[in-house]
N, C-alpha and C. Protein backbone atom coordinates (compact mmCIF):
# COMPACT_ATOMS: atom_id res chain seq x y z
N MET A 1 -0.19 -105.45 43.39
CA MET A 1 -0.18 -104.00 43.26
C MET A 1 0.74 -103.63 42.11
N PRO A 2 0.31 -102.77 41.20
CA PRO A 2 1.16 -102.39 40.07
C PRO A 2 2.34 -101.54 40.51
N THR A 3 3.38 -101.58 39.70
CA THR A 3 4.57 -100.77 39.94
C THR A 3 4.52 -99.57 39.00
N LEU A 4 4.90 -98.41 39.50
CA LEU A 4 4.89 -97.19 38.71
C LEU A 4 6.31 -96.64 38.66
N GLY A 5 6.80 -96.37 37.48
CA GLY A 5 8.11 -95.76 37.33
C GLY A 5 7.95 -94.33 36.85
N ILE A 6 8.83 -93.45 37.29
CA ILE A 6 8.77 -92.05 36.85
C ILE A 6 10.07 -91.74 36.15
N ARG A 7 9.99 -91.43 34.86
CA ARG A 7 11.18 -91.08 34.08
C ARG A 7 11.35 -89.58 34.05
N GLY A 8 12.59 -89.18 33.91
CA GLY A 8 12.88 -87.76 33.73
C GLY A 8 12.86 -86.94 35.02
N LEU A 9 12.83 -87.60 36.15
CA LEU A 9 12.85 -86.89 37.43
C LEU A 9 14.29 -86.56 37.76
N GLY A 10 14.59 -85.30 37.86
CA GLY A 10 15.97 -84.85 38.08
C GLY A 10 16.47 -85.14 39.49
N GLU A 11 17.76 -84.97 39.65
CA GLU A 11 18.40 -85.23 40.94
C GLU A 11 17.88 -84.30 42.04
N ARG A 12 17.64 -83.03 41.69
CA ARG A 12 17.12 -82.08 42.69
C ARG A 12 15.76 -82.52 43.20
N ALA A 13 14.88 -82.93 42.28
CA ALA A 13 13.54 -83.36 42.68
C ALA A 13 13.62 -84.63 43.52
N THR A 14 14.48 -85.54 43.13
CA THR A 14 14.65 -86.78 43.89
C THR A 14 15.14 -86.48 45.29
N THR A 15 16.10 -85.58 45.40
CA THR A 15 16.63 -85.21 46.71
C THR A 15 15.54 -84.58 47.57
N ARG A 16 14.71 -83.70 46.98
CA ARG A 16 13.62 -83.07 47.74
C ARG A 16 12.64 -84.13 48.23
N LEU A 17 12.32 -85.10 47.37
CA LEU A 17 11.40 -86.18 47.78
C LEU A 17 12.00 -86.97 48.93
N GLU A 18 13.28 -87.29 48.84
CA GLU A 18 13.93 -88.05 49.91
C GLU A 18 13.92 -87.28 51.22
N ARG A 19 14.21 -86.00 51.16
CA ARG A 19 14.23 -85.18 52.39
C ARG A 19 12.84 -85.07 53.00
N GLN A 20 11.83 -84.85 52.16
CA GLN A 20 10.46 -84.73 52.67
C GLN A 20 10.01 -86.03 53.31
N ALA A 21 10.29 -87.14 52.66
CA ALA A 21 9.92 -88.45 53.20
C ALA A 21 10.63 -88.67 54.53
N ASP A 22 11.91 -88.32 54.60
CA ASP A 22 12.68 -88.49 55.83
C ASP A 22 12.12 -87.62 56.95
N ARG A 23 11.74 -86.36 56.63
CA ARG A 23 11.15 -85.48 57.65
C ARG A 23 9.87 -86.06 58.22
N GLU A 24 9.14 -86.78 57.39
CA GLU A 24 7.87 -87.35 57.83
C GLU A 24 8.03 -88.78 58.33
N GLY A 25 9.27 -89.23 58.45
CA GLY A 25 9.53 -90.56 59.00
C GLY A 25 9.10 -91.68 58.08
N SER A 26 9.28 -91.51 56.79
CA SER A 26 8.82 -92.48 55.81
C SER A 26 9.92 -92.71 54.78
N ASN A 27 9.70 -93.69 53.90
CA ASN A 27 10.61 -93.83 52.76
C ASN A 27 9.94 -93.17 51.56
N VAL A 28 10.70 -92.94 50.51
CA VAL A 28 10.20 -92.21 49.36
C VAL A 28 9.00 -92.92 48.74
N ASN A 29 9.10 -94.23 48.55
CA ASN A 29 8.01 -94.96 47.92
C ASN A 29 6.70 -94.80 48.70
N ALA A 30 6.76 -95.02 50.00
CA ALA A 30 5.54 -94.92 50.82
C ALA A 30 5.01 -93.49 50.83
N TRP A 31 5.91 -92.51 50.88
CA TRP A 31 5.49 -91.11 50.92
C TRP A 31 4.79 -90.73 49.61
N VAL A 32 5.41 -91.06 48.47
CA VAL A 32 4.82 -90.73 47.18
C VAL A 32 3.49 -91.47 47.00
N ALA A 33 3.43 -92.74 47.40
CA ALA A 33 2.18 -93.51 47.29
C ALA A 33 1.07 -92.85 48.09
N ARG A 34 1.40 -92.36 49.29
CA ARG A 34 0.40 -91.69 50.13
C ARG A 34 -0.08 -90.39 49.48
N ILE A 35 0.85 -89.63 48.90
CA ILE A 35 0.49 -88.38 48.23
C ILE A 35 -0.40 -88.67 47.02
N LEU A 36 -0.01 -89.64 46.22
CA LEU A 36 -0.78 -89.96 45.03
C LEU A 36 -2.16 -90.53 45.38
N ALA A 37 -2.23 -91.29 46.45
CA ALA A 37 -3.52 -91.86 46.86
C ALA A 37 -4.51 -90.76 47.22
N GLY A 38 -4.03 -89.66 47.74
CA GLY A 38 -4.91 -88.55 48.11
C GLY A 38 -5.06 -87.51 47.03
N ALA A 39 -4.40 -87.71 45.89
CA ALA A 39 -4.40 -86.69 44.84
C ALA A 39 -5.79 -86.43 44.27
N GLY A 40 -6.67 -87.43 44.28
CA GLY A 40 -8.00 -87.24 43.71
C GLY A 40 -9.02 -86.73 44.70
N SER A 41 -8.67 -86.67 45.97
CA SER A 41 -9.64 -86.21 46.97
C SER A 41 -9.57 -84.69 47.10
N ARG A 42 -10.66 -84.12 47.56
CA ARG A 42 -10.70 -82.65 47.71
C ARG A 42 -9.79 -82.18 48.82
N SER A 43 -9.75 -82.91 49.91
CA SER A 43 -8.96 -82.45 51.04
C SER A 43 -7.50 -82.84 50.92
N GLY A 44 -7.18 -83.72 49.98
CA GLY A 44 -5.80 -84.14 49.81
C GLY A 44 -5.43 -85.15 50.88
N PRO A 45 -4.21 -85.63 50.83
CA PRO A 45 -3.78 -86.66 51.78
C PRO A 45 -3.59 -86.08 53.18
N ALA A 46 -3.82 -86.92 54.16
CA ALA A 46 -3.54 -86.50 55.53
C ALA A 46 -2.04 -86.37 55.67
N ARG A 47 -1.59 -85.25 56.18
CA ARG A 47 -0.16 -85.03 56.31
C ARG A 47 0.22 -84.87 57.76
N LYS A 48 1.25 -85.56 58.14
CA LYS A 48 1.79 -85.41 59.48
C LYS A 48 2.76 -84.24 59.45
N ARG A 49 2.44 -83.19 60.17
CA ARG A 49 3.30 -82.00 60.18
C ARG A 49 4.18 -82.01 61.41
N ARG A 50 5.43 -81.71 61.19
CA ARG A 50 6.37 -81.60 62.29
C ARG A 50 6.64 -80.13 62.52
N VAL A 51 6.36 -79.64 63.71
CA VAL A 51 6.54 -78.23 64.03
C VAL A 51 7.94 -78.03 64.59
N ILE A 52 8.65 -77.11 64.00
CA ILE A 52 10.00 -76.79 64.48
C ILE A 52 9.96 -75.36 65.00
N ASP A 53 10.24 -75.21 66.28
CA ASP A 53 10.14 -73.88 66.88
C ASP A 53 11.46 -73.42 67.49
N ASP A 54 12.56 -73.91 66.95
CA ASP A 54 13.85 -73.49 67.45
C ASP A 54 14.84 -73.35 66.29
N LEU A 55 16.03 -72.98 66.60
CA LEU A 55 17.04 -72.77 65.57
C LEU A 55 18.16 -73.81 65.65
N ASP A 56 17.89 -74.96 66.25
CA ASP A 56 18.91 -75.99 66.42
C ASP A 56 19.54 -76.40 65.10
N ALA A 57 18.77 -76.41 64.02
CA ALA A 57 19.30 -76.84 62.73
C ALA A 57 20.39 -75.89 62.23
N LEU A 58 20.43 -74.67 62.75
CA LEU A 58 21.44 -73.71 62.32
C LEU A 58 22.71 -73.77 63.15
N ALA A 59 22.66 -74.43 64.29
CA ALA A 59 23.80 -74.47 65.20
C ALA A 59 25.02 -75.05 64.51
N GLY A 60 26.12 -74.32 64.58
CA GLY A 60 27.37 -74.80 64.02
C GLY A 60 27.50 -74.68 62.52
N THR A 61 26.60 -73.96 61.88
CA THR A 61 26.67 -73.87 60.42
C THR A 61 27.41 -72.63 59.94
N TRP A 62 27.69 -71.68 60.82
CA TRP A 62 28.40 -70.48 60.42
C TRP A 62 29.90 -70.64 60.67
N SER A 63 30.67 -69.98 59.84
CA SER A 63 32.11 -69.92 60.09
C SER A 63 32.34 -68.88 61.19
N ALA A 64 33.55 -68.86 61.70
CA ALA A 64 33.87 -67.88 62.75
C ALA A 64 33.70 -66.46 62.23
N SER A 65 34.11 -66.21 60.99
CA SER A 65 33.98 -64.85 60.46
C SER A 65 32.52 -64.48 60.25
N GLN A 66 31.68 -65.42 59.85
CA GLN A 66 30.24 -65.15 59.71
C GLN A 66 29.62 -64.85 61.07
N ALA A 67 30.03 -65.57 62.09
CA ALA A 67 29.49 -65.33 63.43
C ALA A 67 29.90 -63.95 63.94
N ARG A 68 31.16 -63.56 63.69
CA ARG A 68 31.61 -62.22 64.10
C ARG A 68 30.84 -61.14 63.35
N ALA A 69 30.63 -61.33 62.06
CA ALA A 69 29.89 -60.35 61.26
C ALA A 69 28.45 -60.23 61.76
N PHE A 70 27.84 -61.35 62.09
CA PHE A 70 26.47 -61.31 62.61
C PHE A 70 26.42 -60.56 63.94
N ALA A 71 27.36 -60.86 64.84
CA ALA A 71 27.40 -60.18 66.14
C ALA A 71 27.61 -58.68 65.94
N ARG A 72 28.51 -58.31 65.04
CA ARG A 72 28.78 -56.89 64.76
C ARG A 72 27.53 -56.21 64.19
N ASP A 73 26.89 -56.86 63.22
CA ASP A 73 25.76 -56.24 62.54
C ASP A 73 24.49 -56.17 63.39
N THR A 74 24.38 -57.02 64.38
CA THR A 74 23.18 -57.00 65.22
C THR A 74 23.41 -56.35 66.58
N SER A 75 24.63 -55.92 66.86
CA SER A 75 24.91 -55.30 68.16
C SER A 75 24.06 -54.06 68.44
N PRO A 76 23.71 -53.24 67.44
CA PRO A 76 22.85 -52.08 67.73
C PRO A 76 21.47 -52.47 68.28
N PHE A 77 21.03 -53.68 68.02
CA PHE A 77 19.72 -54.10 68.51
C PHE A 77 19.67 -54.25 70.03
N SER A 78 20.84 -54.34 70.68
CA SER A 78 20.85 -54.48 72.13
C SER A 78 20.84 -53.12 72.83
N GLU A 79 20.95 -52.04 72.08
CA GLU A 79 20.93 -50.70 72.65
C GLU A 79 19.52 -50.14 72.68
N VAL A 80 19.20 -49.43 73.74
CA VAL A 80 17.90 -48.80 73.86
C VAL A 80 18.02 -47.35 73.42
N ALA A 81 17.13 -46.91 72.57
CA ALA A 81 17.16 -45.53 72.09
C ALA A 81 17.00 -44.58 73.27
N PRO A 82 17.75 -43.46 73.28
CA PRO A 82 17.71 -42.54 74.42
C PRO A 82 16.29 -42.10 74.80
N GLY A 83 15.42 -41.86 73.85
CA GLY A 83 14.08 -41.40 74.15
C GLY A 83 13.19 -42.48 74.76
N LEU A 84 13.62 -43.73 74.70
CA LEU A 84 12.80 -44.85 75.20
C LEU A 84 13.26 -45.37 76.56
N ARG A 85 14.35 -44.83 77.07
CA ARG A 85 14.87 -45.30 78.36
C ARG A 85 13.94 -44.85 79.48
N GLY A 86 13.75 -45.78 80.41
CA GLY A 86 12.81 -45.49 81.50
C GLY A 86 13.36 -44.99 82.73
């Protein structure tokens, strides 16, 4: 199998490739090979999608002052408008 090198790929692009491959449970080489193999097809490569339906990735990422600001700024959302009370 031939080896393919890519010159001029910046650090940001490399990091994005590594993260995408990691999200899909693969290494960069295998992930890129799979993408390129499907590049000529109409439907493209089969992609394994991971559905994230929670906010766990955000847990612990705010500072205490950011958390207080968020609580302060969203506190009005817990109040019911007088005309809507039952």
